[in-house]
């Protein structure tokens, strides 16, 4: 099981509306439980975001790095990392 640091949890809480119509978590504990349940991943850069989507079989051919960063499932984190949440 992956442990999500405070940056992940706070970013998800603040930006969850980019992926969900209604809040799925209100507290840090709820955010952590939700991210664990949906097996969200943290990657170290946009290249790893691309690799993750390719491994999942998503058609991202021709998508720029900016388009990948703007995907609703992708949450940019401090230090250039990304949280990927599959809704």
C-alpha atoms as a PDB file:
ATOM      1  CA  UNK A   1       0.000   0.000   0.000  1.00  0.00           C
ATOM      2  CA  UNK A   2       1.312   3.434  -0.915  1.00  0.00           C
ATOM      3  CA  UNK A   3       1.602   6.122   1.750  1.00  0.00           C
ATOM      4  CA  UNK A   4       0.503   9.554   0.596  1.00  0.00           C
ATOM      5  CA  UNK A   5       2.354  12.508   2.060  1.00  0.00           C
ATOM      6  CA  UNK A   6       0.678  15.699   3.208  1.00  0.00           C
ATOM      7  CA  UNK A   7       1.352  17.447  -0.129  1.00  0.00           C
ATOM      8  CA  UNK A   8      -0.606  14.727  -1.935  1.00  0.00           C
ATOM      9  CA  UNK A   9      -3.503  14.825   0.486  1.00  0.00           C
ATOM     10  CA  UNK A  10      -3.814  18.611   0.611  1.00  0.00           C
ATOM     11  CA  UNK A  11      -3.521  18.978  -3.164  1.00  0.00           C
ATOM     12  CA  UNK A  12      -6.186  16.346  -3.705  1.00  0.00           C
ATOM     13  CA  UNK A  13      -8.542  17.974  -1.186  1.00  0.00           C
ATOM     14  CA  UNK A  14      -8.102  21.395  -2.794  1.00  0.00           C
ATOM     15  CA  UNK A  15      -8.441  20.222  -6.401  1.00  0.00           C
ATOM     16  CA  UNK A  16     -10.724  17.185  -6.268  1.00  0.00           C
ATOM     17  CA  UNK A  17     -13.448  19.118  -8.100  1.00  0.00           C
ATOM     18  CA  UNK A  18     -11.403  18.878 -11.307  1.00  0.00           C
ATOM     19  CA  UNK A  19     -12.263  15.166 -11.358  1.00  0.00           C
ATOM     20  CA  UNK A  20     -15.443  14.819  -9.298  1.00  0.00           C
ATOM     21  CA  UNK A  21     -18.714  16.774  -9.339  1.00  0.00           C
ATOM     22  CA  UNK A  22     -19.095  16.458  -5.575  1.00  0.00           C
ATOM     23  CA  UNK A  23     -16.418  16.230  -2.870  1.00  0.00           C
ATOM     24  CA  UNK A  24     -15.310  12.677  -2.136  1.00  0.00           C
ATOM     25  CA  UNK A  25     -13.264  13.714   0.909  1.00  0.00           C
ATOM     26  CA  UNK A  26     -13.306  16.565   3.406  1.00  0.00           C
ATOM     27  CA  UNK A  27     -10.517  15.688   5.831  1.00  0.00           C
ATOM     28  CA  UNK A  28      -6.949  14.532   5.282  1.00  0.00           C
ATOM     29  CA  UNK A  29      -7.908  11.124   6.656  1.00  0.00           C
ATOM     30  CA  UNK A  30     -10.804  10.799   4.208  1.00  0.00           C
ATOM     31  CA  UNK A  31      -8.558  11.880   1.346  1.00  0.00           C
ATOM     32  CA  UNK A  32      -5.983   9.251   2.282  1.00  0.00           C
ATOM     33  CA  UNK A  33      -8.622   6.519   2.539  1.00  0.00           C
ATOM     34  CA  UNK A  34     -10.094   7.501  -0.835  1.00  0.00           C
ATOM     35  CA  UNK A  35      -6.706   7.578  -2.571  1.00  0.00           C
ATOM     36  CA  UNK A  36      -5.862   4.168  -1.110  1.00  0.00           C
ATOM     37  CA  UNK A  37      -9.216   2.744  -2.225  1.00  0.00           C
ATOM     38  CA  UNK A  38      -8.771   3.891  -5.824  1.00  0.00           C
ATOM     39  CA  UNK A  39      -5.057   2.997  -5.796  1.00  0.00           C
ATOM     40  CA  UNK A  40      -3.904   6.459  -6.827  1.00  0.00           C
ATOM     41  CA  UNK A  41      -0.247   6.724  -7.781  1.00  0.00           C
ATOM     42  CA  UNK A  42       2.418   9.367  -7.341  1.00  0.00           C
ATOM     43  CA  UNK A  43       5.008   9.734 -10.090  1.00  0.00           C
ATOM     44  CA  UNK A  44       8.137  11.844 -10.265  1.00  0.00           C
ATOM     45  CA  UNK A  45       7.572  13.704 -13.518  1.00  0.00           C
ATOM     46  CA  UNK A  46       5.436  14.224 -16.589  1.00  0.00           C
ATOM     47  CA  UNK A  47       7.342  11.479 -18.423  1.00  0.00           C
ATOM     48  CA  UNK A  48       6.162   9.017 -15.815  1.00  0.00           C
ATOM     49  CA  UNK A  49       2.595  10.306 -16.224  1.00  0.00           C
ATOM     50  CA  UNK A  50       2.866   9.438 -19.932  1.00  0.00           C
ATOM     51  CA  UNK A  51       4.283   5.994 -19.111  1.00  0.00           C
ATOM     52  CA  UNK A  52       1.480   5.327 -16.618  1.00  0.00           C
ATOM     53  CA  UNK A  53      -1.235   6.221 -19.129  1.00  0.00           C
ATOM     54  CA  UNK A  54       0.427   4.101 -21.831  1.00  0.00           C
ATOM     55  CA  UNK A  55       0.656   1.126 -19.453  1.00  0.00           C
ATOM     56  CA  UNK A  56      -3.038   1.574 -18.644  1.00  0.00           C
ATOM     57  CA  UNK A  57      -3.829   1.403 -22.363  1.00  0.00           C
ATOM     58  CA  UNK A  58      -5.033   4.986 -22.753  1.00  0.00           C
ATOM     59  CA  UNK A  59      -4.700   6.560 -26.183  1.00  0.00           C
ATOM     60  CA  UNK A  60      -2.470   9.550 -25.490  1.00  0.00           C
ATOM     61  CA  UNK A  61      -0.551   9.559 -28.748  1.00  0.00           C
ATOM     62  CA  UNK A  62       0.048  13.098 -29.882  1.00  0.00           C
ATOM     63  CA  UNK A  63      -0.773  14.632 -26.493  1.00  0.00           C
ATOM     64  CA  UNK A  64       1.656  17.322 -25.373  1.00  0.00           C
ATOM     65  CA  UNK A  65       3.069  17.506 -21.859  1.00  0.00           C
ATOM     66  CA  UNK A  66       0.745  20.440 -21.178  1.00  0.00           C
ATOM     67  CA  UNK A  67      -2.276  18.402 -22.264  1.00  0.00           C
ATOM     68  CA  UNK A  68      -1.214  15.540 -20.006  1.00  0.00           C
ATOM     69  CA  UNK A  69      -0.830  17.940 -17.061  1.00  0.00           C
ATOM     70  CA  UNK A  70      -4.324  19.303 -17.726  1.00  0.00           C
ATOM     71  CA  UNK A  71      -5.972  15.860 -17.710  1.00  0.00           C
ATOM     72  CA  UNK A  72      -8.610  15.700 -14.986  1.00  0.00           C
ATOM     73  CA  UNK A  73      -6.931  12.647 -13.435  1.00  0.00           C
ATOM     74  CA  UNK A  74      -3.581  14.425 -13.031  1.00  0.00           C
ATOM     75  CA  UNK A  75      -2.850  16.581  -9.991  1.00  0.00           C
ATOM     76  CA  UNK A  76       0.469  18.473 -10.100  1.00  0.00           C
ATOM     77  CA  UNK A  77       2.282  18.349  -6.758  1.00  0.00           C
ATOM     78  CA  UNK A  78       5.135  20.402  -5.341  1.00  0.00           C
ATOM     79  CA  UNK A  79       8.634  19.464  -6.480  1.00  0.00           C
ATOM     80  CA  UNK A  80       7.512  18.380  -9.961  1.00  0.00           C
ATOM     81  CA  UNK A  81       5.683  15.238  -8.863  1.00  0.00           C
ATOM     82  CA  UNK A  82       2.177  14.257  -9.981  1.00  0.00           C
ATOM     83  CA  UNK A  83      -0.695  12.444  -8.304  1.00  0.00           C
ATOM     84  CA  UNK A  84      -2.760  10.336 -10.710  1.00  0.00           C
ATOM     85  CA  UNK A  85      -6.272   9.481  -9.551  1.00  0.00           C
ATOM     86  CA  UNK A  86      -8.438   7.252 -11.693  1.00  0.00           C
ATOM     87  CA  UNK A  87     -12.025   8.228 -10.983  1.00  0.00           C
END
